[in-house]
C-alpha atoms as a PDB file:
ATOM      1  CA  UNK A   1     -91.873 257.871-119.320  1.00  0.00           C
ATOM      2  CA  UNK A   2     -89.808 255.019-120.100  1.00  0.00           C
ATOM      3  CA  UNK A   3     -88.885 256.618-123.463  1.00  0.00           C
ATOM      4  CA  UNK A   4     -88.079 259.844-121.764  1.00  0.00           C
ATOM      5  CA  UNK A   5     -85.624 258.036-119.448  1.00  0.00           C
ATOM      6  CA  UNK A   6     -84.036 256.217-122.337  1.00  0.00           C
ATOM      7  CA  UNK A   7     -83.523 259.509-123.980  1.00  0.00           C
ATOM      8  CA  UNK A   8     -81.983 261.025-120.916  1.00  0.00           C
ATOM      9  CA  UNK A   9     -79.640 257.983-120.719  1.00  0.00           C
ATOM     10  CA  UNK A  10     -78.609 258.222-124.363  1.00  0.00           C
ATOM     11  CA  UNK A  11     -77.634 261.998-123.886  1.00  0.00           C
ATOM     12  CA  UNK A  12     -75.010 261.197-121.105  1.00  0.00           C
ATOM     13  CA  UNK A  13     -71.517 260.981-122.456  1.00  0.00           C
ATOM     14  CA  UNK A  14     -68.069 261.030-121.028  1.00  0.00           C
ATOM     15  CA  UNK A  15     -67.549 262.367-117.466  1.00  0.00           C
ATOM     16  CA  UNK A  16     -71.266 263.051-117.105  1.00  0.00           C
ATOM     17  CA  UNK A  17     -72.227 259.416-117.815  1.00  0.00           C
ATOM     18  CA  UNK A  18     -69.452 258.047-115.613  1.00  0.00           C
ATOM     19  CA  UNK A  19     -70.493 260.254-112.717  1.00  0.00           C
ATOM     20  CA  UNK A  20     -74.010 259.186-113.158  1.00  0.00           C
ATOM     21  CA  UNK A  21     -72.887 255.452-113.046  1.00  0.00           C
ATOM     22  CA  UNK A  22     -70.862 256.113-109.905  1.00  0.00           C
ATOM     23  CA  UNK A  23     -73.698 257.839-108.206  1.00  0.00           C
ATOM     24  CA  UNK A  24     -75.979 254.971-108.955  1.00  0.00           C
ATOM     25  CA  UNK A  25     -73.329 252.454-107.690  1.00  0.00           C
ATOM     26  CA  UNK A  26     -72.982 254.339-104.502  1.00  0.00           C
ATOM     27  CA  UNK A  27     -76.762 254.543-103.957  1.00  0.00           C
ATOM     28  CA  UNK A  28     -76.874 250.926-104.516  1.00  0.00           C
ATOM     29  CA  UNK A  29     -74.063 250.155-102.188  1.00  0.00           C
ATOM     30  CA  UNK A  30     -75.730 252.102 -99.467  1.00  0.00           C
ATOM     31  CA  UNK A  31     -79.114 250.428 -99.977  1.00  0.00           C
ATOM     32  CA  UNK A  32     -78.176 246.929-100.509  1.00  0.00           C
ATOM     33  CA  UNK A  33     -74.792 246.557 -98.862  1.00  0.00           C
ATOM     34  CA  UNK A  34     -71.801 244.871-100.460  1.00  0.00           C
ATOM     35  CA  UNK A  35     -73.149 241.276-100.352  1.00  0.00           C
ATOM     36  CA  UNK A  36     -76.284 242.446-102.277  1.00  0.00           C
ATOM     37  CA  UNK A  37     -74.490 244.693-104.722  1.00  0.00           C
ATOM     38  CA  UNK A  38     -74.674 243.560-108.362  1.00  0.00           C
ATOM     39  CA  UNK A  39     -73.821 245.086-111.669  1.00  0.00           C
ATOM     40  CA  UNK A  40     -77.399 244.298-112.860  1.00  0.00           C
ATOM     41  CA  UNK A  41     -78.848 246.554-110.012  1.00  0.00           C
ATOM     42  CA  UNK A  42     -76.536 249.315-110.746  1.00  0.00           C
ATOM     43  CA  UNK A  43     -77.660 249.292-114.409  1.00  0.00           C
ATOM     44  CA  UNK A  44     -81.228 249.258-113.542  1.00  0.00           C
ATOM     45  CA  UNK A  45     -80.732 252.043-111.115  1.00  0.00           C
ATOM     46  CA  UNK A  46     -78.724 254.089-113.650  1.00  0.00           C
ATOM     47  CA  UNK A  47     -81.068 253.470-116.547  1.00  0.00           C
ATOM     48  CA  UNK A  48     -78.416 251.897-118.551  1.00  0.00           C
ATOM     49  CA  UNK A  49     -77.128 248.342-119.569  1.00  0.00           C
ATOM     50  CA  UNK A  50     -74.624 246.015-118.083  1.00  0.00           C
ATOM     51  CA  UNK A  51     -72.063 246.384-121.056  1.00  0.00           C
ATOM     52  CA  UNK A  52     -71.926 250.136-120.457  1.00  0.00           C
ATOM     53  CA  UNK A  53     -70.655 249.336-116.891  1.00  0.00           C
ATOM     54  CA  UNK A  54     -68.569 246.514-117.906  1.00  0.00           C
ATOM     55  CA  UNK A  55     -66.623 248.584-120.497  1.00  0.00           C
ATOM     56  CA  UNK A  56     -65.430 250.842-117.671  1.00  0.00           C
ATOM     57  CA  UNK A  57     -65.219 248.275-114.697  1.00  0.00           C
ATOM     58  CA  UNK A  58     -64.614 244.619-115.428  1.00  0.00           C
ATOM     59  CA  UNK A  59     -66.158 243.330-112.018  1.00  0.00           C
ATOM     60  CA  UNK A  60     -68.107 244.493-109.011  1.00  0.00           C
ATOM     61  CA  UNK A  61     -64.962 245.068-106.844  1.00  0.00           C
ATOM     62  CA  UNK A  62     -63.599 247.620-109.285  1.00  0.00           C
ATOM     63  CA  UNK A  63     -66.948 249.426-109.507  1.00  0.00           C
ATOM     64  CA  UNK A  64     -67.475 249.553-105.853  1.00  0.00           C
ATOM     65  CA  UNK A  65     -63.943 250.915-105.368  1.00  0.00           C
ATOM     66  CA  UNK A  66     -64.496 253.567-108.040  1.00  0.00           C
ATOM     67  CA  UNK A  67     -67.739 254.542-106.179  1.00  0.00           C
ATOM     68  CA  UNK A  68     -66.022 254.883-102.812  1.00  0.00           C
ATOM     69  CA  UNK A  69     -63.259 256.919-104.348  1.00  0.00           C
ATOM     70  CA  UNK A  70     -65.911 259.190-106.002  1.00  0.00           C
ATOM     71  CA  UNK A  71     -68.119 259.724-102.918  1.00  0.00           C
ATOM     72  CA  UNK A  72     -65.550 259.161-100.038  1.00  0.00           C
ATOM     73  CA  UNK A  73     -62.225 260.118-101.402  1.00  0.00           C
ATOM     74  CA  UNK A  74     -59.032 258.891 -99.740  1.00  0.00           C
ATOM     75  CA  UNK A  75     -57.683 260.994 -96.988  1.00  0.00           C
ATOM     76  CA  UNK A  76     -54.668 263.117 -97.891  1.00  0.00           C
ATOM     77  CA  UNK A  77     -51.688 264.198 -95.699  1.00  0.00           C
ATOM     78  CA  UNK A  78     -53.251 267.675 -95.295  1.00  0.00           C
ATOM     79  CA  UNK A  79     -56.490 266.083 -93.897  1.00  0.00           C
ATOM     80  CA  UNK A  80     -54.431 265.013 -90.702  1.00  0.00           C
ATOM     81  CA  UNK A  81     -53.994 267.721 -88.190  1.00  0.00           C
ATOM     82  CA  UNK A  82     -50.629 268.765 -86.738  1.00  0.00           C
ATOM     83  CA  UNK A  83     -51.180 268.802 -82.957  1.00  0.00           C
ATOM     84  CA  UNK A  84     -47.644 269.629 -82.240  1.00  0.00           C
ATOM     85  CA  UNK A  85     -46.951 266.404 -80.484  1.00  0.00           C
ATOM     86  CA  UNK A  86     -46.466 262.779 -81.686  1.00  0.00           C
ATOM     87  CA  UNK A  87     -48.997 261.369 -79.446  1.00  0.00           C
ATOM     88  CA  UNK A  88     -51.760 263.845 -80.504  1.00  0.00           C
ATOM     89  CA  UNK A  89     -50.874 263.273 -84.090  1.00  0.00           C
ATOM     90  CA  UNK A  90     -51.134 259.440 -83.831  1.00  0.00           C
ATOM     91  CA  UNK A  91     -54.447 259.736 -82.117  1.00  0.00           C
ATOM     92  CA  UNK A  92     -55.825 262.072 -84.659  1.00  0.00           C
ATOM     93  CA  UNK A  93     -54.656 259.846 -87.424  1.00  0.00           C
ATOM     94  CA  UNK A  94     -56.442 256.685 -85.904  1.00  0.00           C
ATOM     95  CA  UNK A  95     -59.630 258.561 -85.286  1.00  0.00           C
ATOM     96  CA  UNK A  96     -59.871 259.856 -88.975  1.00  0.00           C
ATOM     97  CA  UNK A  97     -59.158 256.308 -90.212  1.00  0.00           C
ATOM     98  CA  UNK A  98     -61.762 254.798 -87.849  1.00  0.00           C
ATOM     99  CA  UNK A  99     -64.418 257.387 -89.002  1.00  0.00           C
ATOM    100  CA  UNK A 100     -63.543 256.841 -92.713  1.00  0.00           C
ATOM    101  CA  UNK A 101     -64.173 253.130 -92.189  1.00  0.00           C
ATOM    102  CA  UNK A 102     -67.481 253.968 -90.514  1.00  0.00           C
ATOM    103  CA  UNK A 103     -68.518 256.026 -93.517  1.00  0.00           C
ATOM    104  CA  UNK A 104     -67.794 253.323 -96.055  1.00  0.00           C
ATOM    105  CA  UNK A 105     -69.112 250.729 -93.706  1.00  0.00           C
ATOM    106  CA  UNK A 106     -67.482 247.554 -92.277  1.00  0.00           C
ATOM    107  CA  UNK A 107     -69.377 245.048 -94.703  1.00  0.00           C
ATOM    108  CA  UNK A 108     -68.063 246.816 -97.760  1.00  0.00           C
ATOM    109  CA  UNK A 109     -64.542 247.217 -96.307  1.00  0.00           C
ATOM    110  CA  UNK A 110     -64.526 243.464 -95.439  1.00  0.00           C
ATOM    111  CA  UNK A 111     -65.991 242.387 -98.912  1.00  0.00           C
ATOM    112  CA  UNK A 112     -63.485 244.301-100.725  1.00  0.00           C
ATOM    113  CA  UNK A 113     -60.737 242.771 -98.777  1.00  0.00           C
ATOM    114  CA  UNK A 114     -61.945 239.222 -99.657  1.00  0.00           C
ATOM    115  CA  UNK A 115     -62.023 240.323-103.348  1.00  0.00           C
ATOM    116  CA  UNK A 116     -58.808 242.267-103.406  1.00  0.00           C
ATOM    117  CA  UNK A 117     -57.340 239.993-106.159  1.00  0.00           C
ATOM    118  CA  UNK A 118     -60.198 241.248-108.493  1.00  0.00           C
ATOM    119  CA  UNK A 119     -59.212 245.022-107.823  1.00  0.00           C
ATOM    120  CA  UNK A 120     -56.183 247.266-108.863  1.00  0.00           C
ATOM    121  CA  UNK A 121     -52.851 246.935-106.943  1.00  0.00           C
ATOM    122  CA  UNK A 122     -53.856 249.880-104.690  1.00  0.00           C
ATOM    123  CA  UNK A 123     -57.158 248.471-103.707  1.00  0.00           C
ATOM    124  CA  UNK A 124     -56.499 248.363-100.047  1.00  0.00           C
ATOM    125  CA  UNK A 125     -55.639 251.745 -98.784  1.00  0.00           C
ATOM    126  CA  UNK A 126     -52.505 252.177 -96.827  1.00  0.00           C
ATOM    127  CA  UNK A 127     -51.527 255.322 -94.807  1.00  0.00           C
ATOM    128  CA  UNK A 128     -47.954 254.437 -93.856  1.00  0.00           C
ATOM    129  CA  UNK A 129     -46.814 257.516 -95.631  1.00  0.00           C
ATOM    130  CA  UNK A 130     -48.910 259.606 -93.172  1.00  0.00           C
ATOM    131  CA  UNK A 131     -47.515 257.971 -90.121  1.00  0.00           C
ATOM    132  CA  UNK A 132     -44.007 258.437 -91.761  1.00  0.00           C
ATOM    133  CA  UNK A 133     -44.679 262.193 -91.979  1.00  0.00           C
ATOM    134  CA  UNK A 134     -45.898 262.354 -88.512  1.00  0.00           C
ATOM    135  CA  UNK A 135     -42.866 260.553 -87.168  1.00  0.00           C
ATOM    136  CA  UNK A 136     -40.531 262.841 -89.288  1.00  0.00           C
ATOM    137  CA  UNK A 137     -42.254 265.763 -87.536  1.00  0.00           C
ATOM    138  CA  UNK A 138     -41.661 264.432 -84.221  1.00  0.00           C
ATOM    139  CA  UNK A 139     -38.055 263.732 -85.041  1.00  0.00           C
ATOM    140  CA  UNK A 140     -37.646 267.360 -86.162  1.00  0.00           C
ATOM    141  CA  UNK A 141     -39.160 268.605 -82.939  1.00  0.00           C
ATOM    142  CA  UNK A 142     -36.647 266.358 -81.034  1.00  0.00           C
ATOM    143  CA  UNK A 143     -39.413 264.124 -79.514  1.00  0.00           C
ATOM    144  CA  UNK A 144     -37.794 260.765 -80.687  1.00  0.00           C
ATOM    145  CA  UNK A 145     -34.383 259.467 -81.549  1.00  0.00           C
ATOM    146  CA  UNK A 146     -32.519 260.214 -84.779  1.00  0.00           C
ATOM    147  CA  UNK A 147     -32.651 256.851 -86.352  1.00  0.00           C
ATOM    148  CA  UNK A 148     -35.051 255.888 -89.152  1.00  0.00           C
ATOM    149  CA  UNK A 149     -38.236 254.099 -87.864  1.00  0.00           C
ATOM    150  CA  UNK A 150     -38.658 250.924 -90.134  1.00  0.00           C
ATOM    151  CA  UNK A 151     -41.861 250.346 -92.234  1.00  0.00           C
ATOM    152  CA  UNK A 152     -43.033 247.618 -90.115  1.00  0.00           C
ATOM    153  CA  UNK A 153     -43.073 249.723 -87.097  1.00  0.00           C
ATOM    154  CA  UNK A 154     -44.841 252.621 -88.934  1.00  0.00           C
ATOM    155  CA  UNK A 155     -47.486 249.974 -89.876  1.00  0.00           C
ATOM    156  CA  UNK A 156     -48.207 248.899 -86.317  1.00  0.00           C
ATOM    157  CA  UNK A 157     -51.120 251.486 -85.520  1.00  0.00           C
ATOM    158  CA  UNK A 158     -52.952 250.913 -88.718  1.00  0.00           C
ATOM    159  CA  UNK A 159     -52.545 246.955 -88.430  1.00  0.00           C
ATOM    160  CA  UNK A 160     -54.039 246.936 -84.912  1.00  0.00           C
ATOM    161  CA  UNK A 161     -56.999 249.436 -86.028  1.00  0.00           C
ATOM    162  CA  UNK A 162     -57.700 247.125 -88.971  1.00  0.00           C
ATOM    163  CA  UNK A 163     -57.708 244.114 -86.639  1.00  0.00           C
ATOM    164  CA  UNK A 164     -60.122 245.703 -84.378  1.00  0.00           C
ATOM    165  CA  UNK A 165     -62.440 246.882 -87.153  1.00  0.00           C
ATOM    166  CA  UNK A 166     -62.283 244.006 -89.742  1.00  0.00           C
ATOM    167  CA  UNK A 167     -61.361 240.843 -87.612  1.00  0.00           C
ATOM    168  CA  UNK A 168     -63.039 241.634 -84.226  1.00  0.00           C
ATOM    169  CA  UNK A 169     -65.906 243.771 -85.819  1.00  0.00           C
ATOM    170  CA  UNK A 170     -65.297 246.318 -82.959  1.00  0.00           C
ATOM    171  CA  UNK A 171     -65.262 249.932 -83.296  1.00  0.00           C
ATOM    172  CA  UNK A 172     -62.728 251.182 -80.984  1.00  0.00           C
ATOM    173  CA  UNK A 173     -63.664 254.112 -78.729  1.00  0.00           C
ATOM    174  CA  UNK A 174     -61.380 257.157 -78.291  1.00  0.00           C
ATOM    175  CA  UNK A 175     -60.149 255.814 -75.025  1.00  0.00           C
ATOM    176  CA  UNK A 176     -59.207 252.523 -76.659  1.00  0.00           C
ATOM    177  CA  UNK A 177     -57.432 254.226 -79.497  1.00  0.00           C
ATOM    178  CA  UNK A 178     -55.457 256.114 -76.954  1.00  0.00           C
ATOM    179  CA  UNK A 179     -54.433 252.614 -75.399  1.00  0.00           C
ATOM    180  CA  UNK A 180     -53.235 251.457 -78.745  1.00  0.00           C
ATOM    181  CA  UNK A 181     -51.048 254.701 -79.074  1.00  0.00           C
ATOM    182  CA  UNK A 182     -49.809 254.740 -75.534  1.00  0.00           C
ATOM    183  CA  UNK A 183     -49.234 250.984 -74.952  1.00  0.00           C
ATOM    184  CA  UNK A 184     -48.002 249.861 -78.350  1.00  0.00           C
ATOM    185  CA  UNK A 185     -47.441 252.574 -81.137  1.00  0.00           C
ATOM    186  CA  UNK A 186     -45.471 255.199 -79.025  1.00  0.00           C
ATOM    187  CA  UNK A 187     -43.155 252.776 -77.336  1.00  0.00           C
ATOM    188  CA  UNK A 188     -42.420 251.006 -80.634  1.00  0.00           C
ATOM    189  CA  UNK A 189     -41.636 254.138 -82.317  1.00  0.00           C
ATOM    190  CA  UNK A 190     -39.659 255.627 -79.635  1.00  0.00           C
ATOM    191  CA  UNK A 191     -37.602 252.397 -79.214  1.00  0.00           C
ATOM    192  CA  UNK A 192     -36.903 252.100 -82.991  1.00  0.00           C
ATOM    193  CA  UNK A 193     -35.911 255.771 -83.178  1.00  0.00           C
ATOM    194  CA  UNK A 194     -33.287 255.441 -80.527  1.00  0.00           C
ATOM    195  CA  UNK A 195     -31.682 252.213 -81.641  1.00  0.00           C
ATOM    196  CA  UNK A 196     -30.131 251.689 -85.102  1.00  0.00           C
ATOM    197  CA  UNK A 197     -31.290 248.822 -87.211  1.00  0.00           C
ATOM    198  CA  UNK A 198     -29.001 245.696 -86.735  1.00  0.00           C
ATOM    199  CA  UNK A 199     -26.560 245.078 -89.492  1.00  0.00           C
ATOM    200  CA  UNK A 200     -26.728 241.779 -91.158  1.00  0.00           C
ATOM    201  CA  UNK A 201     -23.574 239.785 -91.901  1.00  0.00           C
ATOM    202  CA  UNK A 202     -24.014 240.350 -95.636  1.00  0.00           C
ATOM    203  CA  UNK A 203     -24.362 244.189 -95.188  1.00  0.00           C
ATOM    204  CA  UNK A 204     -21.314 244.156 -92.985  1.00  0.00           C
ATOM    205  CA  UNK A 205     -19.196 242.360 -95.593  1.00  0.00           C
ATOM    206  CA  UNK A 206     -20.431 244.633 -98.307  1.00  0.00           C
ATOM    207  CA  UNK A 207     -19.589 247.858 -96.502  1.00  0.00           C
ATOM    208  CA  UNK A 208     -16.285 246.751 -94.905  1.00  0.00           C
ATOM    209  CA  UNK A 209     -14.938 246.477 -91.484  1.00  0.00           C
ATOM    210  CA  UNK A 210     -16.501 249.661 -90.261  1.00  0.00           C
ATOM    211  CA  UNK A 211     -19.840 247.931 -89.880  1.00  0.00           C
ATOM    212  CA  UNK A 212     -18.461 244.666 -88.168  1.00  0.00           C
ATOM    213  CA  UNK A 213     -19.069 244.357 -84.692  1.00  0.00           C
ATOM    214  CA  UNK A 214     -16.073 244.772 -82.223  1.00  0.00           C
ATOM    215  CA  UNK A 215     -14.679 241.542 -80.782  1.00  0.00           C
END
């Protein structure tokens, strides 16, 4: 039987081999968790050798990230519903992100965060572009003001959600997500959209007297 398994292993090449390795890594991650996840265990599960894995992924953080992306692909803009109102869109966004975190698992997400320096530059997912698109739709409907909403405001709902999940180790309920939107995210976005960003003295000098405040 061992010889048969070895023959099967040798027959896998290219994409088929890589998928088999990622399947083994995903199964190992689900069974052992991030703390117990090792390259050796994945190699045994896949019926292959460590060098085969290391040629593709130089460390466990990159292997785990590849397995996650293969089995729990990142959310795309089209995955987030257009509810027709800013509040509904923000709530739907936070619910989807919370549920994705659940599927991957808090231990894995927190473990990856501690080893982010060993992963690629985009190891930690950010969804600011999604919030930006949601806010742009709201501006088009006239729900908010005409001024651009700065990046640090767009990041507010995600930052709070990550704090709840990763730092407090708490899964927010739908009602708690609504409080995040109603108490913090919506007021911040509405305020920023109705007030132009302040002009620094350097910008005022660069663009001329038109930007200088009146005396």
